[in-house]
Amino acid sequence: MKWKEADFNSSISNINAVLIYGPDAGLVDELCDKALEKLEIDKDNLLAVDASDLRDKQDAVFAESCSPSMFGGRKAVIIADAGDSDTKFISELATSQSLCATLIVTAGDLRVGSLRKLFEEGKNIAAIACYTDDSKTLEALIHKELSAQAGIRQVTPDAMSYMLSHMGGDRGITRSFLQKIAIYVSDKHVVELEDVEKCLPDTSATSADDYMYSLTAGHINQTMIALDRLIYSGADANMLVRMLYNHFSKLLTAVTDGQLPKNLFWKVADKFRNAMKIWPENEIVNALSKLNDLEKLCRTNGMQPEILIRDFSLKLSVRAAKLALKRRK
């Protein structure tokens, strides 16, 4: 079955297994935690395993999933970062007559393949996609979270425009950012542009913008300097990957629609317009695919994520420089 979040909230207790997947890793984690909460899973009744370890742990996972709890209560088994290569084992487990646990499978941005088809077409199992927030859903989330956290009565247009331009790639990071804002403005109950700029997570807005727009413009040296500043100030490499993914996703929509995003922050409009001229649709799609692969590498590769993001940024900014040169000829 294909689920929406409302289906997830009402029916998670009635199925054998659920696949939670998509490019918004923060929302994937959030729904996974929500599933455990709704199922009232005690830590003694929970087994979590990474899909990369399944080959060596299949027997143990199957045994744990198909045996009653020694402590009473419902059991759950989480298989994280799954892919199509894991479909055979997951199918056998999810459809087993002996299954005693709710199976929760998480994954990144899956294409339509065997794993998605298994959960979308199977009985007593379901799949829910976690896509990054668009302007409409992000604005609703901002209003909901701020009013709930601190009783915020007003968000100025500039502040909202800024947040819509700089958030949305990861639900977890977005919520963390909004919590900081709620605390910062708790004495005045109004969110202004200055408040948002001061609360931007991990680094200044200027450095983040310099990095993204220097990269898409093909300004190689400026890209690497801005990235150095971000990393030096404590920016997490995984966050930077998701920020870039969100940036290129917005760029793809803009190029496809032939117009700037509706809620783009006015200070970066010219830079975004320039990126639209440089990047054709097929190049953006290719960049998004590589960013998806990069996020997986950052979580599974033995190399430091900072090394991976530096290498990727250099290569992509060089590609942008070539595209810009080609356009000028």
Foldseek 3Di string as FASTA:
>chain_A
DEDEVVCLVPPLCQFQEEEEEEQAVQVSVVSVVVSCVVQVADPQQEAEDEPVCCVVCLVVQLVSQLDARPVDGAHEYEYEADAQVCLVSVLCSSPPPRGRHRYYYYHYHYDPDRNQCCQPVDPRHHYYYDYWDALVRLLVVLVVLLCVQQNQDEEDLLLSLVCNQQDGLYPNLNSVLSNQLSVVCNVPSYHYNVSSQVSRPQDGPVLLLQQQLLLLQLVQVSNLVSLVRSVVSPHDLLVSLSRNLVLLVQLLVCLVVVHHDPSHNPVCVVSSVSSSLQDDNVNSVVLNVVSSVLSVCCVPPPDHSSVSSSVSSNVSSNVSNVSNVVSVD
